[in-house]
């Protein structure tokens, strides 16, 4: 028996089921706010924290958000205390992204809550939440995929791709990321 071969048909794509939240006006205002204050060279952290709160994010104290950061929907974002977000980070939060206390997202990292089902002819949208638990660290130019949790103090090393959740205090490397050792933190 031969398997039927189909071709991708992007004209059949339909994500009308997906609801980004926020009114159209709110999304348009955020689009320009994101460009002016986040994706730019704007260097000041306090106004960025305030703007995120105004647009519905929950943001803790002493959060550092470097220039050139892109955030899709702040109303789907929760950031704890003493979090660092490096230059050129992309938070593509089609679903909720939670970044807990003392977590770090390094330069050029991507938190991607959406993907497409390559097995479906219409390239269906798939979404999943992301959680970075306390002390987790996403290395520079790394990718965290939909539905992934970096458990307490897990480390995703530079240029790695997390396609499944990472154990607490594990050091993960590669594409897809695999555990290479335990993370030991000293005083």
N, C-alpha and C. Protein backbone atom coordinates (compact mmCIF):
# COMPACT_ATOMS: atom_id res chain seq x y z
N UNK A 1 0.85 -1.17 0.00
CA UNK A 1 0.00 0.00 0.00
C UNK A 1 0.90 1.24 0.00
N UNK A 2 0.62 2.17 -0.88
CA UNK A 2 1.42 3.39 -0.95
C UNK A 2 0.75 4.50 -0.16
N UNK A 3 1.58 5.31 0.45
CA UNK A 3 1.07 6.45 1.22
C UNK A 3 0.77 7.60 0.28
N UNK A 4 -0.39 8.22 0.47
CA UNK A 4 -0.77 9.39 -0.33
C UNK A 4 0.15 10.55 0.01
N UNK A 5 0.69 11.21 -1.00
CA UNK A 5 1.56 12.36 -0.79
C UNK A 5 0.77 13.64 -1.07
N UNK A 6 0.77 14.52 -0.09
CA UNK A 6 0.10 15.81 -0.22
C UNK A 6 1.15 16.90 -0.26
N UNK A 7 0.76 18.04 -0.71
CA UNK A 7 1.63 19.20 -0.74
C UNK A 7 1.12 20.24 0.26
N UNK A 8 2.04 21.04 0.77
CA UNK A 8 1.64 22.15 1.63
C UNK A 8 0.79 23.11 0.82
N UNK A 9 -0.28 23.59 1.42
CA UNK A 9 -1.18 24.54 0.77
C UNK A 9 -1.44 25.70 1.73
N UNK A 10 -0.60 26.73 1.65
CA UNK A 10 -0.73 27.85 2.57
C UNK A 10 -2.01 28.66 2.35
N UNK A 11 -2.65 28.48 1.21
CA UNK A 11 -3.93 29.17 1.00
C UNK A 11 -5.01 28.61 1.92
N UNK A 12 -4.78 27.41 2.46
CA UNK A 12 -5.74 26.79 3.37
C UNK A 12 -5.47 27.16 4.84
N UNK A 13 -4.38 27.90 5.09
CA UNK A 13 -4.04 28.28 6.47
C UNK A 13 -5.16 29.11 7.08
N UNK A 14 -5.53 28.76 8.32
CA UNK A 14 -6.59 29.48 9.01
C UNK A 14 -6.30 29.42 10.51
N UNK A 15 -5.93 30.55 11.07
CA UNK A 15 -5.72 30.60 12.52
C UNK A 15 -6.77 31.48 13.19
N UNK A 16 -7.97 31.47 12.65
CA UNK A 16 -9.04 32.29 13.21
C UNK A 16 -9.39 31.88 14.63
N UNK A 17 -9.04 30.67 15.02
CA UNK A 17 -9.28 30.20 16.38
C UNK A 17 -8.39 30.92 17.39
N UNK A 18 -7.26 31.47 16.93
CA UNK A 18 -6.30 32.09 17.84
C UNK A 18 -6.75 33.50 18.22
N UNK A 19 -6.78 33.77 19.51
CA UNK A 19 -7.17 35.08 20.03
C UNK A 19 -5.98 35.70 20.76
N UNK A 20 -5.38 36.77 20.21
CA UNK A 20 -4.19 37.35 20.84
C UNK A 20 -4.48 38.12 22.11
N UNK A 21 -5.73 38.47 22.36
CA UNK A 21 -6.07 39.28 23.52
C UNK A 21 -5.84 40.75 23.22
N UNK A 22 -6.40 41.60 24.02
CA UNK A 22 -6.28 43.04 23.79
C UNK A 22 -7.11 43.47 22.60
N UNK A 23 -7.63 44.66 22.67
CA UNK A 23 -8.40 45.19 21.55
C UNK A 23 -7.46 45.54 20.39
N UNK A 24 -8.04 45.77 19.24
CA UNK A 24 -7.25 46.17 18.08
C UNK A 24 -6.47 47.45 18.37
N UNK A 25 -7.11 48.41 19.02
CA UNK A 25 -6.45 49.68 19.37
C UNK A 25 -5.27 49.42 20.30
N UNK A 26 -5.47 48.57 21.30
CA UNK A 26 -4.39 48.24 22.24
C UNK A 26 -3.22 47.59 21.51
N UNK A 27 -3.51 46.67 20.60
CA UNK A 27 -2.43 45.99 19.85
C UNK A 27 -1.68 46.98 18.96
N UNK A 28 -2.40 47.92 18.36
CA UNK A 28 -1.74 48.94 17.51
C UNK A 28 -0.88 49.86 18.38
N UNK A 29 -1.40 50.31 19.51
CA UNK A 29 -0.61 51.16 20.41
C UNK A 29 0.63 50.42 20.90
N UNK A 30 0.48 49.14 21.23
CA UNK A 30 1.65 48.37 21.69
C UNK A 30 2.66 48.22 20.55
N UNK A 31 2.20 48.00 19.35
CA UNK A 31 3.10 47.85 18.21
C UNK A 31 4.07 49.04 18.12
N UNK A 32 3.54 50.24 18.21
CA UNK A 32 4.39 51.44 18.11
C UNK A 32 5.20 51.68 19.39
N UNK A 33 4.63 51.37 20.54
CA UNK A 33 5.38 51.49 21.80
C UNK A 33 6.58 50.55 21.78
N UNK A 34 6.36 49.33 21.31
CA UNK A 34 7.42 48.34 21.21
C UNK A 34 8.55 48.84 20.31
N UNK A 35 8.20 49.43 19.18
CA UNK A 35 9.20 49.95 18.24
C UNK A 35 9.98 51.10 18.86
N UNK A 36 9.28 52.04 19.48
CA UNK A 36 9.92 53.26 19.98
C UNK A 36 10.77 53.02 21.23
N UNK A 37 10.27 52.21 22.17
CA UNK A 37 10.94 52.09 23.47
C UNK A 37 11.70 50.78 23.67
N UNK A 38 11.33 49.73 22.97
CA UNK A 38 11.94 48.42 23.22
C UNK A 38 12.88 47.99 22.10
N UNK A 39 12.43 48.05 20.87
CA UNK A 39 13.25 47.60 19.74
C UNK A 39 14.31 48.63 19.34
N UNK A 40 14.34 49.76 20.00
CA UNK A 40 15.24 50.86 19.67
C UNK A 40 16.46 50.85 20.60
N UNK A 41 17.24 51.93 20.54
CA UNK A 41 18.38 52.11 21.42
C UNK A 41 18.00 52.68 22.78
N UNK A 42 16.72 52.86 23.06
CA UNK A 42 16.26 53.46 24.32
C UNK A 42 16.85 52.68 25.49
N UNK A 43 17.67 53.34 26.34
CA UNK A 43 18.46 52.60 27.33
C UNK A 43 17.88 52.48 28.74
N UNK A 44 16.78 53.17 29.04
CA UNK A 44 16.33 53.28 30.43
C UNK A 44 15.36 52.17 30.82
N UNK A 45 15.64 51.52 31.95
CA UNK A 45 14.88 50.35 32.37
C UNK A 45 13.54 50.70 33.01
N UNK A 46 13.52 51.71 33.88
CA UNK A 46 12.30 52.04 34.62
C UNK A 46 11.12 52.37 33.69
N UNK A 47 11.31 53.21 32.67
CA UNK A 47 10.17 53.48 31.77
C UNK A 47 9.70 52.22 31.03
N UNK A 48 10.61 51.33 30.72
CA UNK A 48 10.21 50.08 30.05
C UNK A 48 9.35 49.23 30.98
N UNK A 49 9.76 49.14 32.24
CA UNK A 49 8.96 48.38 33.21
C UNK A 49 7.57 48.98 33.34
N UNK A 50 7.51 50.32 33.42
CA UNK A 50 6.23 51.02 33.54
C UNK A 50 5.35 50.77 32.32
N UNK A 51 5.91 50.90 31.14
CA UNK A 51 5.14 50.68 29.91
C UNK A 51 4.60 49.26 29.84
N UNK A 52 5.41 48.29 30.21
CA UNK A 52 4.92 46.91 30.21
C UNK A 52 3.73 46.75 31.15
N UNK A 53 3.82 47.36 32.34
CA UNK A 53 2.71 47.29 33.30
C UNK A 53 1.46 47.96 32.75
N UNK A 54 1.62 49.13 32.11
CA UNK A 54 0.49 49.85 31.52
C UNK A 54 -0.23 48.97 30.50
N UNK A 55 0.53 48.15 29.77
CA UNK A 55 -0.06 47.29 28.74
C UNK A 55 -0.45 45.91 29.27
N UNK A 56 -0.39 45.72 30.60
CA UNK A 56 -0.94 44.50 31.18
C UNK A 56 0.04 43.45 31.63
N UNK A 57 1.34 43.67 31.48
CA UNK A 57 2.32 42.70 31.96
C UNK A 57 2.43 42.80 33.47
N UNK A 58 2.80 41.71 34.10
CA UNK A 58 3.14 41.73 35.52
C UNK A 58 4.66 41.74 35.58
N UNK A 59 5.23 42.78 36.17
CA UNK A 59 6.68 42.99 36.16
C UNK A 59 7.15 43.27 37.58
N UNK A 60 8.13 42.51 38.04
CA UNK A 60 8.68 42.69 39.37
C UNK A 60 9.65 43.85 39.44
N UNK A 61 10.41 43.90 40.52
CA UNK A 61 11.34 45.01 40.73
C UNK A 61 12.72 44.68 40.16
N UNK A 62 13.46 45.72 39.85
CA UNK A 62 14.85 45.64 39.38
C UNK A 62 15.00 44.77 38.14
N UNK A 63 14.03 44.81 37.25
CA UNK A 63 14.10 44.09 35.98
C UNK A 63 14.92 44.92 35.00
N UNK A 64 15.90 44.28 34.36
CA UNK A 64 16.76 44.92 33.38
C UNK A 64 16.32 44.47 31.99
N UNK A 65 15.93 45.43 31.16
CA UNK A 65 15.56 45.14 29.77
C UNK A 65 16.44 45.99 28.88
N UNK A 66 17.40 45.35 28.25
CA UNK A 66 18.36 46.04 27.39
C UNK A 66 17.69 46.53 26.10
N UNK A 67 18.39 47.34 25.30
CA UNK A 67 17.84 47.80 24.02
C UNK A 67 17.63 46.66 23.02
N UNK A 68 16.80 46.95 22.04
CA UNK A 68 16.53 46.07 20.90
C UNK A 68 15.84 44.76 21.29
N UNK A 69 14.95 44.84 22.27
CA UNK A 69 14.16 43.69 22.69
C UNK A 69 12.78 43.81 22.03
N UNK A 70 12.26 42.69 21.55
CA UNK A 70 10.93 42.70 20.95
C UNK A 70 10.01 41.80 21.76
N UNK A 71 8.86 42.35 22.15
CA UNK A 71 7.87 41.61 22.92
C UNK A 71 6.55 41.66 22.15
N UNK A 72 6.01 40.48 21.83
CA UNK A 72 4.79 40.42 21.02
C UNK A 72 3.58 41.01 21.75
N UNK A 73 3.22 40.43 22.90
CA UNK A 73 2.03 40.86 23.63
C UNK A 73 2.35 40.97 25.12
N UNK A 74 2.50 42.18 25.66
CA UNK A 74 2.85 42.31 27.07
C UNK A 74 1.78 41.76 28.02
N UNK A 75 0.55 41.72 27.60
CA UNK A 75 -0.52 41.19 28.45
C UNK A 75 -0.41 39.68 28.59
N UNK A 76 0.53 39.05 27.89
CA UNK A 76 0.81 37.62 28.04
C UNK A 76 2.23 37.44 28.56
N UNK A 77 2.62 38.29 29.52
CA UNK A 77 3.98 38.26 30.03
C UNK A 77 3.99 38.51 31.53
N UNK A 78 4.71 37.66 32.24
CA UNK A 78 4.91 37.83 33.68
C UNK A 78 6.40 37.71 33.96
N UNK A 79 6.97 38.75 34.56
CA UNK A 79 8.40 38.80 34.86
C UNK A 79 8.58 39.02 36.36
N UNK A 80 9.40 38.19 36.99
CA UNK A 80 9.65 38.30 38.42
C UNK A 80 10.67 39.39 38.74
N UNK A 81 11.26 39.31 39.91
CA UNK A 81 12.23 40.28 40.39
C UNK A 81 13.65 39.92 39.93
N UNK A 82 14.45 40.95 39.71
CA UNK A 82 15.88 40.81 39.37
C UNK A 82 16.09 39.93 38.13
N UNK A 83 15.27 40.13 37.12
CA UNK A 83 15.39 39.41 35.86
C UNK A 83 16.20 40.26 34.89
N UNK A 84 17.05 39.62 34.11
CA UNK A 84 17.83 40.30 33.07
C UNK A 84 17.38 39.81 31.71
N UNK A 85 17.10 40.77 30.81
CA UNK A 85 16.76 40.45 29.42
C UNK A 85 17.74 41.21 28.54
N UNK A 86 18.55 40.48 27.80
CA UNK A 86 19.65 41.05 27.03
C UNK A 86 19.24 41.64 25.69
N UNK A 87 20.21 42.28 25.04
CA UNK A 87 19.98 42.92 23.74
C UNK A 87 19.49 41.91 22.71
N UNK A 88 18.60 42.37 21.85
CA UNK A 88 18.10 41.61 20.71
C UNK A 88 17.33 40.34 21.08
N UNK A 89 16.79 40.28 22.30
CA UNK A 89 15.94 39.15 22.68
C UNK A 89 14.58 39.32 22.01
N UNK A 90 14.02 38.21 21.55
CA UNK A 90 12.69 38.20 20.95
C UNK A 90 11.78 37.33 21.80
N UNK A 91 10.78 37.95 22.42
CA UNK A 91 9.78 37.21 23.19
C UNK A 91 8.52 37.18 22.32
N UNK A 92 8.37 36.09 21.59
CA UNK A 92 7.26 35.91 20.66
C UNK A 92 6.15 35.18 21.41
N UNK A 93 5.53 35.89 22.35
CA UNK A 93 4.60 35.27 23.28
C UNK A 93 3.16 35.26 22.78
N UNK A 94 2.91 34.35 21.86
CA UNK A 94 1.54 34.10 21.42
C UNK A 94 0.74 33.46 22.55
N UNK A 95 1.43 32.86 23.50
CA UNK A 95 0.86 32.33 24.73
C UNK A 95 1.60 32.97 25.89
N UNK A 96 1.21 32.61 27.10
CA UNK A 96 1.82 33.18 28.30
C UNK A 96 3.29 32.80 28.41
N UNK A 97 4.13 33.80 28.69
CA UNK A 97 5.54 33.58 29.03
C UNK A 97 5.73 34.05 30.46
N UNK A 98 6.26 33.17 31.29
CA UNK A 98 6.54 33.49 32.68
C UNK A 98 8.04 33.39 32.89
N UNK A 99 8.63 34.46 33.40
CA UNK A 99 10.06 34.50 33.69
C UNK A 99 10.17 34.82 35.18
N UNK A 100 10.57 33.84 35.96
CA UNK A 100 10.56 34.01 37.42
C UNK A 100 11.83 34.68 37.92
N UNK A 101 11.86 34.96 39.22
CA UNK A 101 12.95 35.71 39.86
C UNK A 101 14.34 35.19 39.47
N UNK A 102 15.26 36.15 39.27
CA UNK A 102 16.67 35.88 39.04
C UNK A 102 16.96 35.05 37.79
N UNK A 103 16.03 35.05 36.84
CA UNK A 103 16.27 34.36 35.58
C UNK A 103 16.95 35.32 34.61
N UNK A 104 17.63 34.77 33.64
CA UNK A 104 18.38 35.58 32.67
C UNK A 104 18.10 35.06 31.27
N UNK A 105 17.80 35.99 30.36
CA UNK A 105 17.63 35.67 28.94
C UNK A 105 18.70 36.49 28.22
N UNK A 106 19.73 35.82 27.72
CA UNK A 106 20.89 36.51 27.15
C UNK A 106 20.66 36.99 25.73
N UNK A 107 21.63 37.74 25.23
CA UNK A 107 21.56 38.43 23.96
C UNK A 107 21.14 37.51 22.81
N UNK A 108 20.17 38.00 22.04
CA UNK A 108 19.76 37.31 20.83
C UNK A 108 18.94 36.05 21.03
N UNK A 109 18.59 35.74 22.27
CA UNK A 109 17.79 34.54 22.53
C UNK A 109 16.36 34.76 22.05
N UNK A 110 15.68 33.66 21.75
CA UNK A 110 14.29 33.72 21.31
C UNK A 110 13.43 32.80 22.16
N UNK A 111 12.34 33.35 22.68
CA UNK A 111 11.33 32.57 23.38
C UNK A 111 10.14 32.50 22.43
N UNK A 112 9.94 31.36 21.82
CA UNK A 112 8.96 31.21 20.74
C UNK A 112 7.78 30.37 21.20
N UNK A 113 6.64 31.01 21.40
CA UNK A 113 5.44 30.31 21.84
C UNK A 113 4.63 29.74 20.68
N UNK A 114 5.03 30.01 19.46
CA UNK A 114 4.28 29.52 18.31
C UNK A 114 5.16 28.79 17.32
N UNK A 115 4.52 27.87 16.61
CA UNK A 115 5.19 27.13 15.55
C UNK A 115 4.11 26.65 14.59
N UNK A 116 4.51 25.94 13.58
CA UNK A 116 3.55 25.42 12.61
C UNK A 116 3.69 23.91 12.50
N UNK A 117 2.59 23.24 12.27
CA UNK A 117 2.57 21.80 12.15
C UNK A 117 2.95 21.42 10.73
N UNK A 118 4.18 20.96 10.56
CA UNK A 118 4.68 20.63 9.22
C UNK A 118 4.00 19.39 8.65
N UNK A 119 3.28 18.63 9.49
CA UNK A 119 2.59 17.43 9.03
C UNK A 119 1.22 17.75 8.43
N UNK A 120 0.75 18.96 8.64
CA UNK A 120 -0.57 19.36 8.15
C UNK A 120 -0.45 20.15 6.85
N UNK A 121 -1.30 19.85 5.93
CA UNK A 121 -1.30 20.51 4.63
C UNK A 121 -1.43 22.01 4.75
N UNK A 122 -2.25 22.48 5.72
CA UNK A 122 -2.50 23.92 5.87
C UNK A 122 -1.50 24.59 6.81
N UNK A 123 -0.47 23.85 7.27
CA UNK A 123 0.60 24.44 8.08
C UNK A 123 0.02 25.05 9.35
N UNK A 124 -0.87 24.29 10.02
CA UNK A 124 -1.62 24.77 11.18
C UNK A 124 -0.73 25.40 12.25
N UNK A 125 -1.21 26.50 12.84
CA UNK A 125 -0.52 27.15 13.95
C UNK A 125 -0.64 26.30 15.20
N UNK A 126 0.47 26.17 15.93
CA UNK A 126 0.50 25.49 17.22
C UNK A 126 1.11 26.46 18.22
N UNK A 127 0.53 26.56 19.41
CA UNK A 127 1.06 27.46 20.43
C UNK A 127 1.23 26.73 21.75
N UNK A 128 2.14 27.22 22.59
CA UNK A 128 2.36 26.64 23.90
C UNK A 128 3.02 27.65 24.82
N UNK A 129 2.74 27.54 26.10
CA UNK A 129 3.32 28.45 27.09
C UNK A 129 4.80 28.14 27.30
N UNK A 130 5.52 29.15 27.80
CA UNK A 130 6.93 28.99 28.17
C UNK A 130 7.07 29.49 29.60
N UNK A 131 7.86 28.75 30.39
CA UNK A 131 8.15 29.17 31.76
C UNK A 131 9.63 29.02 32.04
N UNK A 132 10.24 30.10 32.50
CA UNK A 132 11.62 30.06 32.97
C UNK A 132 11.53 30.18 34.48
N UNK A 133 11.80 29.10 35.19
CA UNK A 133 11.68 29.13 36.64
C UNK A 133 12.85 29.88 37.26
N UNK A 134 12.79 30.03 38.58
CA UNK A 134 13.79 30.83 39.30
C UNK A 134 15.22 30.41 38.95
N UNK A 135 16.03 31.42 38.61
CA UNK A 135 17.44 31.20 38.35
C UNK A 135 17.77 30.55 37.02
N UNK A 136 16.78 30.29 36.18
CA UNK A 136 17.04 29.69 34.87
C UNK A 136 17.80 30.68 34.00
N UNK A 137 18.58 30.15 33.08
CA UNK A 137 19.40 30.99 32.20
C UNK A 137 19.31 30.48 30.78
N UNK A 138 18.85 31.35 29.89
CA UNK A 138 18.80 31.05 28.46
C UNK A 138 20.01 31.74 27.85
N UNK A 139 20.97 30.97 27.34
CA UNK A 139 22.21 31.52 26.80
C UNK A 139 21.99 32.31 25.53
N UNK A 140 22.99 33.09 25.18
CA UNK A 140 22.93 33.94 23.98
C UNK A 140 22.60 33.11 22.74
N UNK A 141 21.73 33.69 21.90
CA UNK A 141 21.31 33.09 20.63
C UNK A 141 20.73 31.68 20.76
N UNK A 142 20.15 31.41 21.91
CA UNK A 142 19.46 30.13 22.11
C UNK A 142 17.98 30.30 21.81
N UNK A 143 17.29 29.17 21.63
CA UNK A 143 15.87 29.18 21.31
C UNK A 143 15.13 28.29 22.30
N UNK A 144 14.04 28.81 22.85
CA UNK A 144 13.15 28.02 23.69
C UNK A 144 11.85 27.87 22.91
N UNK A 145 11.44 26.63 22.66
CA UNK A 145 10.29 26.32 21.83
C UNK A 145 8.99 26.27 22.64
N UNK A 146 7.84 26.27 21.95
CA UNK A 146 6.54 26.27 22.62
C UNK A 146 6.39 25.10 23.60
N UNK A 147 5.78 25.39 24.75
CA UNK A 147 5.48 24.35 25.71
C UNK A 147 6.63 23.94 26.62
N UNK A 148 7.75 24.65 26.55
CA UNK A 148 8.95 24.27 27.29
C UNK A 148 9.04 25.03 28.62
N UNK A 149 9.47 24.32 29.65
CA UNK A 149 9.80 24.91 30.95
C UNK A 149 11.27 24.66 31.23
N UNK A 150 11.99 25.72 31.57
CA UNK A 150 13.33 25.56 32.12
C UNK A 150 13.13 25.57 33.63
N UNK A 151 13.28 24.41 34.25
CA UNK A 151 13.04 24.30 35.68
C UNK A 151 14.14 25.04 36.44
N UNK A 152 13.96 25.15 37.75
CA UNK A 152 14.81 25.97 38.60
C UNK A 152 16.30 25.83 38.27
N UNK A 153 16.92 26.96 37.92
CA UNK A 153 18.37 27.07 37.68
C UNK A 153 18.89 26.23 36.51
N UNK A 154 17.99 25.78 35.62
CA UNK A 154 18.44 25.09 34.42
C UNK A 154 19.17 26.08 33.53
N UNK A 155 20.14 25.59 32.77
CA UNK A 155 20.94 26.43 31.88
C UNK A 155 20.89 25.87 30.47
N UNK A 156 20.46 26.71 29.53
CA UNK A 156 20.48 26.37 28.11
C UNK A 156 21.66 27.13 27.52
N UNK A 157 22.70 26.43 27.08
CA UNK A 157 23.94 27.08 26.68
C UNK A 157 23.81 27.80 25.35
N UNK A 158 24.80 28.60 25.04
CA UNK A 158 24.85 29.44 23.85
C UNK A 158 24.49 28.66 22.58
N UNK A 159 23.55 29.20 21.82
CA UNK A 159 23.20 28.64 20.52
C UNK A 159 22.43 27.33 20.55
N UNK A 160 21.89 26.97 21.69
CA UNK A 160 21.18 25.69 21.83
C UNK A 160 19.68 25.87 21.62
N UNK A 161 18.98 24.75 21.40
CA UNK A 161 17.54 24.79 21.14
C UNK A 161 16.83 23.84 22.09
N UNK A 162 15.98 24.39 22.96
CA UNK A 162 15.21 23.58 23.90
C UNK A 162 13.87 23.22 23.27
N UNK A 163 13.71 21.96 22.92
CA UNK A 163 12.46 21.48 22.32
C UNK A 163 11.59 20.75 23.34
N UNK A 164 12.16 20.48 24.51
CA UNK A 164 11.41 19.87 25.61
C UNK A 164 11.92 20.47 26.91
N UNK A 165 11.19 20.28 27.99
CA UNK A 165 11.53 20.91 29.27
C UNK A 165 12.88 20.43 29.80
N UNK A 166 13.55 21.35 30.53
CA UNK A 166 14.88 21.07 31.06
C UNK A 166 14.79 20.87 32.57
N UNK A 167 15.48 19.86 33.08
CA UNK A 167 15.48 19.55 34.51
C UNK A 167 16.14 20.66 35.32
N UNK A 168 15.74 20.76 36.58
CA UNK A 168 16.35 21.72 37.50
C UNK A 168 17.84 21.46 37.61
N UNK A 169 18.61 22.53 37.61
CA UNK A 169 20.07 22.50 37.78
C UNK A 169 20.79 21.68 36.71
N UNK A 170 20.16 21.48 35.56
CA UNK A 170 20.82 20.79 34.46
C UNK A 170 21.44 21.81 33.51
N UNK A 171 22.55 21.43 32.88
CA UNK A 171 23.19 22.23 31.84
C UNK A 171 22.91 21.52 30.53
N UNK A 172 22.27 22.24 29.60
CA UNK A 172 21.84 21.65 28.33
C UNK A 172 22.52 22.34 27.17
N UNK A 173 22.85 21.52 26.15
CA UNK A 173 23.60 22.05 25.01
C UNK A 173 23.17 21.32 23.75
N UNK A 174 23.20 22.05 22.62
CA UNK A 174 22.97 21.43 21.32
C UNK A 174 21.62 21.71 20.73
N UNK A 175 21.39 21.08 19.57
CA UNK A 175 20.14 21.20 18.84
C UNK A 175 19.74 19.82 18.33
N UNK A 176 18.77 19.18 18.99
CA UNK A 176 18.05 19.64 20.18
C UNK A 176 18.94 19.53 21.41
N UNK A 177 18.66 20.38 22.39
CA UNK A 177 19.48 20.43 23.60
C UNK A 177 19.36 19.14 24.40
N UNK A 178 20.51 18.65 24.85
CA UNK A 178 20.57 17.48 25.72
C UNK A 178 21.37 17.85 26.96
N UNK A 179 21.08 17.17 28.04
CA UNK A 179 21.79 17.46 29.29
C UNK A 179 23.24 16.97 29.17
N UNK A 180 24.17 17.87 29.50
CA UNK A 180 25.59 17.50 29.43
C UNK A 180 26.23 17.41 30.81
N UNK A 181 25.63 18.07 31.80
CA UNK A 181 26.14 17.98 33.17
C UNK A 181 25.17 18.68 34.12
N UNK A 182 25.50 18.63 35.40
CA UNK A 182 24.73 19.33 36.42
C UNK A 182 25.31 20.72 36.63
N UNK A 183 24.46 21.67 36.97
CA UNK A 183 24.90 23.02 37.27
C UNK A 183 25.12 23.14 38.78
N UNK A 184 26.34 23.48 39.17
CA UNK A 184 26.69 23.68 40.57
C UNK A 184 26.96 25.17 40.78
N UNK A 185 26.23 25.78 41.69
CA UNK A 185 26.38 27.21 41.96
C UNK A 185 27.05 27.36 43.32
N UNK A 186 28.12 28.13 43.34
CA UNK A 186 28.86 28.37 44.57
C UNK A 186 28.62 29.78 45.06
N UNK A 187 28.89 30.03 46.32
CA UNK A 187 28.70 31.37 46.89
C UNK A 187 29.79 32.32 46.45
